[in-house]
PDB file of N, CA and C in Angstrom:
ATOM      1  N   UNK A   1      -4.366-139.332 -25.846  1.00  0.00           N
ATOM      2  CA  UNK A   1      -3.149-138.543 -25.828  1.00  0.00           C
ATOM      3  C   UNK A   1      -3.353-137.236 -25.061  1.00  0.00           C
ATOM      4  N   UNK A   2      -4.584-136.707 -25.126  1.00  0.00           N
ATOM      5  CA  UNK A   2      -4.869-135.446 -24.432  1.00  0.00           C
ATOM      6  C   UNK A   2      -4.736-135.598 -22.922  1.00  0.00           C
ATOM      7  N   UNK A   3      -5.123-136.760 -22.404  1.00  0.00           N
ATOM      8  CA  UNK A   3      -5.030-136.994 -20.965  1.00  0.00           C
ATOM      9  C   UNK A   3      -3.565-137.052 -20.529  1.00  0.00           C
ATOM     10  N   UNK A   4      -2.722-137.643 -21.343  1.00  0.00           N
ATOM     11  CA  UNK A   4      -1.294-137.717 -21.025  1.00  0.00           C
ATOM     12  C   UNK A   4      -0.685-136.318 -20.978  1.00  0.00           C
ATOM     13  N   UNK A   5      -1.088-135.461 -21.896  1.00  0.00           N
ATOM     14  CA  UNK A   5      -0.599-134.079 -21.904  1.00  0.00           C
ATOM     15  C   UNK A   5      -1.059-133.336 -20.656  1.00  0.00           C
ATOM     16  N   UNK A   6      -2.284-133.599 -20.237  1.00  0.00           N
ATOM     17  CA  UNK A   6      -2.813-132.950 -19.039  1.00  0.00           C
ATOM     18  C   UNK A   6      -2.043-133.386 -17.797  1.00  0.00           C
ATOM     19  N   UNK A   7      -1.761-134.675 -17.725  1.00  0.00           N
ATOM     20  CA  UNK A   7      -1.008-135.196 -16.582  1.00  0.00           C
ATOM     21  C   UNK A   7       0.403-134.618 -16.580  1.00  0.00           C
ATOM     22  N   UNK A   8       1.043-134.580 -17.739  1.00  0.00           N
ATOM     23  CA  UNK A   8       2.393-134.024 -17.831  1.00  0.00           C
ATOM     24  C   UNK A   8       2.393-132.545 -17.475  1.00  0.00           C
ATOM     25  N   UNK A   9       1.383-131.825 -17.942  1.00  0.00           N
ATOM     26  CA  UNK A   9       1.278-130.397 -17.642  1.00  0.00           C
ATOM     27  C   UNK A   9       1.078-130.164 -16.146  1.00  0.00           C
ATOM     28  N   UNK A  10       0.231-130.961 -15.523  1.00  0.00           N
ATOM     29  CA  UNK A  10       0.001-130.835 -14.085  1.00  0.00           C
ATOM     30  C   UNK A  10       1.273-131.147 -13.304  1.00  0.00           C
ATOM     31  N   UNK A  11       1.993-132.156 -13.746  1.00  0.00           N
ATOM     32  CA  UNK A  11       3.241-132.523 -13.076  1.00  0.00           C
ATOM     33  C   UNK A  11       4.267-131.394 -13.170  1.00  0.00           C
ATOM     34  N   UNK A  12       4.370-130.798 -14.341  1.00  0.00           N
ATOM     35  CA  UNK A  12       5.308-129.687 -14.526  1.00  0.00           C
ATOM     36  C   UNK A  12       4.900-128.483 -13.667  1.00  0.00           C
ATOM     37  N   UNK A  13       3.607-128.215 -13.596  1.00  0.00           N
ATOM     38  CA  UNK A  13       3.120-127.100 -12.778  1.00  0.00           C
ATOM     39  C   UNK A  13       3.424-127.325 -11.306  1.00  0.00           C
ATOM     40  N   UNK A  14       3.208-128.560 -10.844  1.00  0.00           N
ATOM     41  CA  UNK A  14       3.488-128.867  -9.443  1.00  0.00           C
ATOM     42  C   UNK A  14       4.978-128.766  -9.159  1.00  0.00           C
ATOM     43  N   UNK A  15       5.796-129.210 -10.087  1.00  0.00           N
ATOM     44  CA  UNK A  15       7.242-129.135  -9.921  1.00  0.00           C
ATOM     45  C   UNK A  15       7.705-127.679  -9.858  1.00  0.00           C
ATOM     46  N   UNK A  16       7.146-126.851 -10.736  1.00  0.00           N
ATOM     47  CA  UNK A  16       7.508-125.428 -10.741  1.00  0.00           C
ATOM     48  C   UNK A  16       7.063-124.751  -9.447  1.00  0.00           C
ATOM     49  N   UNK A  17       5.882-125.107  -8.952  1.00  0.00           N
ATOM     50  CA  UNK A  17       5.382-124.521  -7.711  1.00  0.00           C
ATOM     51  C   UNK A  17       6.249-124.939  -6.526  1.00  0.00           C
ATOM     52  N   UNK A  18       6.666-126.194  -6.512  1.00  0.00           N
ATOM     53  CA  UNK A  18       7.530-126.678  -5.430  1.00  0.00           C
ATOM     54  C   UNK A  18       8.880-125.963  -5.458  1.00  0.00           C
ATOM     55  N   UNK A  19       9.425-125.784  -6.642  1.00  0.00           N
ATOM     56  CA  UNK A  19      10.703-125.081  -6.782  1.00  0.00           C
ATOM     57  C   UNK A  19      10.573-123.631  -6.308  1.00  0.00           C
ATOM     58  N   UNK A  20       9.484-122.966  -6.719  1.00  0.00           N
ATOM     59  CA  UNK A  20       9.263-121.575  -6.307  1.00  0.00           C
ATOM     60  C   UNK A  20       9.139-121.481  -4.788  1.00  0.00           C
ATOM     61  N   UNK A  21       8.467-122.452  -4.180  1.00  0.00           N
ATOM     62  CA  UNK A  21       8.312-122.456  -2.718  1.00  0.00           C
ATOM     63  C   UNK A  21       9.667-122.637  -2.039  1.00  0.00           C
ATOM     64  N   UNK A  22      10.502-123.523  -2.582  1.00  0.00           N
ATOM     65  CA  UNK A  22      11.826-123.742  -2.002  1.00  0.00           C
ATOM     66  C   UNK A  22      12.688-122.487  -2.104  1.00  0.00           C
ATOM     67  N   UNK A  23      12.573-121.780  -3.219  1.00  0.00           N
ATOM     68  CA  UNK A  23      13.329-120.533  -3.385  1.00  0.00           C
ATOM     69  C   UNK A  23      12.838-119.492  -2.384  1.00  0.00           C
ATOM     70  N   UNK A  24      11.520-119.376  -2.229  1.00  0.00           N
ATOM     71  CA  UNK A  24      10.963-118.419  -1.269  1.00  0.00           C
ATOM     72  C   UNK A  24      11.435-118.714   0.150  1.00  0.00           C
ATOM     73  N   UNK A  25      11.460-119.982   0.522  1.00  0.00           N
ATOM     74  CA  UNK A  25      11.903-120.358   1.868  1.00  0.00           C
ATOM     75  C   UNK A  25      13.381-120.031   2.049  1.00  0.00           C
ATOM     76  N   UNK A  26      14.193-120.306   1.033  1.00  0.00           N
ATOM     77  CA  UNK A  26      15.625-120.011   1.124  1.00  0.00           C
ATOM     78  C   UNK A  26      15.874-118.513   1.265  1.00  0.00           C
ATOM     79  N   UNK A  27      15.136-117.707   0.518  1.00  0.00           N
ATOM     80  CA  UNK A  27      15.295-116.247   0.601  1.00  0.00           C
ATOM     81  C   UNK A  27      14.854-115.749   1.980  1.00  0.00           C
ATOM     82  N   UNK A  28      13.761-116.297   2.486  1.00  0.00           N
ATOM     83  CA  UNK A  28      13.270-115.897   3.807  1.00  0.00           C
ATOM     84  C   UNK A  28      14.283-116.255   4.891  1.00  0.00           C
ATOM     85  N   UNK A  29      14.861-117.457   4.810  1.00  0.00           N
ATOM     86  CA  UNK A  29      15.874-117.857   5.795  1.00  0.00           C
ATOM     87  C   UNK A  29      17.093-116.934   5.738  1.00  0.00           C
ATOM     88  N   UNK A  30      17.514-116.590   4.533  1.00  0.00           N
ATOM     89  CA  UNK A  30      18.669-115.697   4.387  1.00  0.00           C
ATOM     90  C   UNK A  30      18.362-114.322   4.983  1.00  0.00           C
ATOM     91  N   UNK A  31      17.148-113.821   4.743  1.00  0.00           N
ATOM     92  CA  UNK A  31      16.761-112.525   5.305  1.00  0.00           C
ATOM     93  C   UNK A  31      16.739-112.591   6.834  1.00  0.00           C
ATOM     94  N   UNK A  32      16.241-113.693   7.383  1.00  0.00           N
ATOM     95  CA  UNK A  32      16.197-113.836   8.837  1.00  0.00           C
ATOM     96  C   UNK A  32      17.608-113.900   9.417  1.00  0.00           C
ATOM     97  N   UNK A  33      18.518-114.607   8.744  1.00  0.00           N
ATOM     98  CA  UNK A  33      19.900-114.670   9.211  1.00  0.00           C
ATOM     99  C   UNK A  33      20.546-113.288   9.190  1.00  0.00           C
ATOM    100  N   UNK A  34      20.283-112.539   8.130  1.00  0.00           N
ATOM    101  CA  UNK A  34      20.838-111.192   8.006  1.00  0.00           C
ATOM    102  C   UNK A  34      20.314-110.284   9.117  1.00  0.00           C
ATOM    103  N   UNK A  35      19.020-110.367   9.392  1.00  0.00           N
ATOM    104  CA  UNK A  35      18.431-109.563  10.463  1.00  0.00           C
ATOM    105  C   UNK A  35      18.985-109.958  11.822  1.00  0.00           C
ATOM    106  N   UNK A  36      19.229-111.235  12.023  1.00  0.00           N
ATOM    107  CA  UNK A  36      19.797-111.680  13.290  1.00  0.00           C
ATOM    108  C   UNK A  36      21.197-111.096  13.489  1.00  0.00           C
ATOM    109  N   UNK A  37      22.003-111.123  12.446  1.00  0.00           N
ATOM    110  CA  UNK A  37      23.350-110.547  12.540  1.00  0.00           C
ATOM    111  C   UNK A  37      23.296-109.043  12.781  1.00  0.00           C
ATOM    112  N   UNK A  38      22.367-108.365  12.111  1.00  0.00           N
ATOM    113  CA  UNK A  38      22.229-106.923  12.303  1.00  0.00           C
ATOM    114  C   UNK A  38      21.826-106.613  13.742  1.00  0.00           C
ATOM    115  N   UNK A  39      20.925-107.407  14.308  1.00  0.00           N
ATOM    116  CA  UNK A  39      20.502-107.196  15.693  1.00  0.00           C
ATOM    117  C   UNK A  39      21.660-107.444  16.661  1.00  0.00           C
ATOM    118  N   UNK A  40      22.468-108.460  16.384  1.00  0.00           N
ATOM    119  CA  UNK A  40      23.620-108.726  17.246  1.00  0.00           C
ATOM    120  C   UNK A  40      24.601-107.552  17.220  1.00  0.00           C
ATOM    121  N   UNK A  41      24.844-107.014  16.051  1.00  0.00           N
ATOM    122  CA  UNK A  41      25.755-105.865  15.944  1.00  0.00           C
ATOM    123  C   UNK A  41      25.165-104.637  16.631  1.00  0.00           C
ATOM    124  N   UNK A  42      23.869-104.430  16.486  1.00  0.00           N
ATOM    125  CA  UNK A  42      23.216-103.296  17.142  1.00  0.00           C
ATOM    126  C   UNK A  42      23.290-103.438  18.656  1.00  0.00           C
ATOM    127  N   UNK A  43      23.100-104.639  19.149  1.00  0.00           N
ATOM    128  CA  UNK A  43      23.175-104.891  20.585  1.00  0.00           C
ATOM    129  C   UNK A  43      24.578-104.608  21.115  1.00  0.00           C
ATOM    130  N   UNK A  44      25.588-104.959  20.326  1.00  0.00           N
ATOM    131  CA  UNK A  44      26.971-104.685  20.746  1.00  0.00           C
ATOM    132  C   UNK A  44      27.238-103.184  20.826  1.00  0.00           C
ATOM    133  N   UNK A  45      26.589-102.388  19.979  1.00  0.00           N
ATOM    134  CA  UNK A  45      26.828-100.944  19.946  1.00  0.00           C
ATOM    135  C   UNK A  45      26.150-100.213  21.099  1.00  0.00           C
ATOM    136  N   UNK A  46      25.125-100.815  21.688  1.00  0.00           N
ATOM    137  CA  UNK A  46      24.415-100.153  22.781  1.00  0.00           C
ATOM    138  C   UNK A  46      25.274-100.105  24.034  1.00  0.00           C
ATOM    139  N   UNK A  47      25.208 -98.993  24.716  1.00  0.00           N
ATOM    140  CA  UNK A  47      25.931 -98.860  25.980  1.00  0.00           C
ATOM    141  C   UNK A  47      25.136 -99.555  27.072  1.00  0.00           C
ATOM    142  N   UNK A  48      25.805-100.141  28.018  1.00  0.00           N
ATOM    143  CA  UNK A  48      25.075-100.764  29.123  1.00  0.00           C
ATOM    144  C   UNK A  48      24.333 -99.707  29.941  1.00  0.00           C
ATOM    145  N   UNK A  49      23.164-100.039  30.386  1.00  0.00           N
ATOM    146  CA  UNK A  49      22.357 -99.100  31.166  1.00  0.00           C
ATOM    147  C   UNK A  49      22.828 -99.063  32.612  1.00  0.00           C
ATOM    148  N   UNK A  50      22.895 -97.867  33.201  1.00  0.00           N
ATOM    149  CA  UNK A  50      23.292 -97.791  34.607  1.00  0.00           C
ATOM    150  C   UNK A  50      22.149 -98.166  35.552  1.00  0.00           C
ATOM    151  N   UNK A  51      20.968 -98.369  35.012  1.00  0.00           N
ATOM    152  CA  UNK A  51      19.803 -98.663  35.836  1.00  0.00           C
ATOM    153  C   UNK A  51      19.541-100.160  35.892  1.00  0.00           C
ATOM    154  N   UNK A  52      19.164-100.633  37.049  1.00  0.00           N
ATOM    155  CA  UNK A  52      18.795-102.030  37.214  1.00  0.00           C
ATOM    156  C   UNK A  52      17.284-102.091  37.325  1.00  0.00           C
ATOM    157  N   UNK A  53      16.678-102.858  36.460  1.00  0.00           N
ATOM    158  CA  UNK A  53      15.226-102.982  36.468  1.00  0.00           C
ATOM    159  C   UNK A  53      14.890-104.414  36.807  1.00  0.00           C
ATOM    160  N   UNK A  54      14.123-104.602  37.871  1.00  0.00           N
ATOM    161  CA  UNK A  54      13.687-105.935  38.288  1.00  0.00           C
ATOM    162  C   UNK A  54      12.174-105.984  38.135  1.00  0.00           C
ATOM    163  N   UNK A  55      11.735-106.789  37.220  1.00  0.00           N
ATOM    164  CA  UNK A  55      10.288-106.878  36.950  1.00  0.00           C
ATOM    165  C   UNK A  55       9.776-108.220  37.407  1.00  0.00           C
ATOM    166  N   UNK A  56       8.797-108.181  38.293  1.00  0.00           N
ATOM    167  CA  UNK A  56       8.167-109.414  38.768  1.00  0.00           C
ATOM    168  C   UNK A  56       6.661-109.235  38.728  1.00  0.00           C
ATOM    169  N   UNK A  57       5.990-110.247  38.268  1.00  0.00           N
ATOM    170  CA  UNK A  57       4.533-110.176  38.177  1.00  0.00           C
ATOM    171  C   UNK A  57       3.894-110.800  39.392  1.00  0.00           C
TER     172      UNK A  57
END
């Protein structure tokens, strides 16, 4: 019976870890989306530069 409890406990731990990882990924994606929108708005607020820069290596 002790082995069955160990297997069940390991399964629950793995399930909890997988869930936590999925939550972390979802939060990270949301943060990245928010930063992308903020960058787009910041880019819209910038005035166009009167200087033309041509960079060639």
